[in-house]
Protein backbone atom coordinates (compact mmCIF):
# COMPACT_ATOMS: atom_id res chain seq x y z
CA MET A 1 29.69 -33.27 17.36
CA ASP A 2 27.57 -33.65 13.70
CA SER A 3 24.16 -34.39 15.38
CA ASN A 4 25.12 -30.94 17.09
CA LEU A 5 26.04 -29.56 13.94
CA LEU A 6 22.87 -30.97 11.65
CA ILE A 7 20.78 -29.24 15.32
CA THR A 8 22.25 -26.24 15.30
CA LEU A 9 21.32 -26.01 11.31
CA GLY A 10 17.67 -27.45 11.19
CA TYR A 11 17.51 -25.00 14.23
CA LEU A 12 18.74 -22.01 11.91
CA VAL A 13 16.27 -23.13 8.92
CA PHE A 14 13.32 -23.41 11.23
CA PHE A 15 13.76 -19.91 12.45
CA ILE A 16 14.56 -18.51 9.18
CA LEU A 17 11.37 -20.00 7.53
CA ILE A 18 8.86 -19.04 10.84
CA MET A 19 10.73 -15.98 10.20
CA TYR A 20 9.59 -15.36 6.35
CA LEU A 21 6.46 -16.46 7.26
CA MET A 22 5.49 -14.41 9.47
CA ILE A 23 7.17 -11.40 8.23
CA PHE A 24 8.53 -11.46 4.36
CA LEU A 25 5.50 -12.63 3.65
CA PRO A 26 2.41 -10.71 4.62
CA GLN A 27 4.26 -7.80 3.57
CA LYS A 28 4.76 -8.92 0.05
CA ARG A 29 1.13 -9.51 0.16
CA ARG A 30 0.42 -5.82 1.78
CA ASP A 31 2.20 -4.38 -1.22
CA LYS A 32 0.61 -6.30 -3.71
CA LYS A 33 -2.38 -5.24 -2.44
CA THR A 34 -1.43 -1.01 -2.21
CA LYS A 35 -0.33 -1.64 -5.37
CA ALA A 36 -3.53 -3.15 -6.76
CA MET A 37 -5.88 -0.19 -5.56
CA LEU A 38 -3.47 2.67 -6.84
CA ASP A 39 -3.44 1.66 -10.37
CA ALA A 40 -6.84 1.09 -9.65
CA MET A 41 -7.67 4.57 -9.26
CA GLN A 42 -9.49 6.76 -11.32
CA VAL A 43 -10.80 10.18 -11.77
CA GLY A 44 -13.71 11.48 -9.56
CA ASN A 45 -12.44 7.83 -7.00
CA THR A 46 -12.50 10.36 -3.55
CA VAL A 47 -8.82 9.53 -2.16
CA ILE A 48 -7.50 9.49 0.95
CA SER A 49 -4.31 10.97 2.35
CA ILE A 50 -1.70 8.98 4.67
CA GLY A 51 -1.40 12.60 6.22
CA GLY A 52 -5.74 12.49 6.05
CA ILE A 53 -6.33 14.69 3.30
CA THR A 54 -9.29 13.78 1.60
CA GLY A 55 -10.56 15.11 -1.87
CA ASN A 56 -11.16 13.33 -5.30
CA ILE A 57 -9.16 12.65 -7.50
CA VAL A 58 -9.16 15.52 -10.81
CA ASN A 59 -5.96 14.18 -12.22
CA ILE A 60 -4.29 11.10 -12.20
CA LYS A 61 -0.52 12.05 -14.55
CA ASP A 62 2.25 8.79 -13.85
CA ASP A 63 3.54 9.13 -10.43
CA GLU A 64 1.33 12.03 -8.95
CA VAL A 65 -2.35 12.59 -8.35
CA THR A 66 -4.53 15.82 -8.01
CA ILE A 67 -6.86 16.46 -5.21
CA GLU A 68 -9.21 18.68 -5.46
CA THR A 69 -10.38 19.46 -1.20
CA GLY A 70 -12.71 21.65 0.55
CA VAL A 71 -15.01 24.28 -0.05
CA GLU A 72 -13.09 26.30 -2.27
CA LYS A 73 -11.96 23.75 -4.32
CA ALA A 74 -9.54 24.25 -3.83
CA LYS A 75 -6.59 21.52 -6.13
CA ILE A 76 -3.27 19.89 -4.00
CA ASN A 77 -0.86 17.37 -6.08
CA LEU A 78 0.41 14.28 -4.29
CA LYS A 79 2.72 10.93 -5.23
CA LYS A 80 0.95 8.78 -5.94
CA TRP A 81 2.90 6.56 -2.46
CA ALA A 82 1.27 9.01 0.02
CA VAL A 83 -2.83 8.02 -0.95
CA LYS A 84 -3.37 5.13 2.25
CA GLU A 85 -7.21 4.50 0.90
CA VAL A 86 -9.46 5.08 -2.29
CA VAL A 87 -12.91 5.33 -2.10
CA LYS A 88 -15.08 4.27 -5.31
CA PRO A 89 -18.38 6.01 -5.42
CA ILE A 90 -21.45 4.64 -5.13
CA GLU A 91 -22.59 3.83 -8.40
CA SER A 92 -27.05 3.69 -8.27
C-alpha cells in the first residue's frame, strides 16, 4: 500500500515539475524581456501598440507614453502595458 502512495506522489511531483518548466518558466522569461524593453524606451523611438497604433515617442511619464502619429501629428497617450514593440531608430 505504501509503494502505491509513493508512486502516485512521484507522478504528482513529476507532473508539477513538467508544468512549471513548460508553462511558468517561459512566461517569466517573456515578462522579464517585456519589462526590460519598456524600461529601455526613449523619446524618439517608434512604438507599436497592442491595438496596432504606430507612432514616435514624444514624452514618457511614470506609466504613460505620449506618441505622435499620423500626418497631422496627433498626440495619443498610451499606458506602458499597451506598448507591444519598441523600434529603435537605426543609427548611421
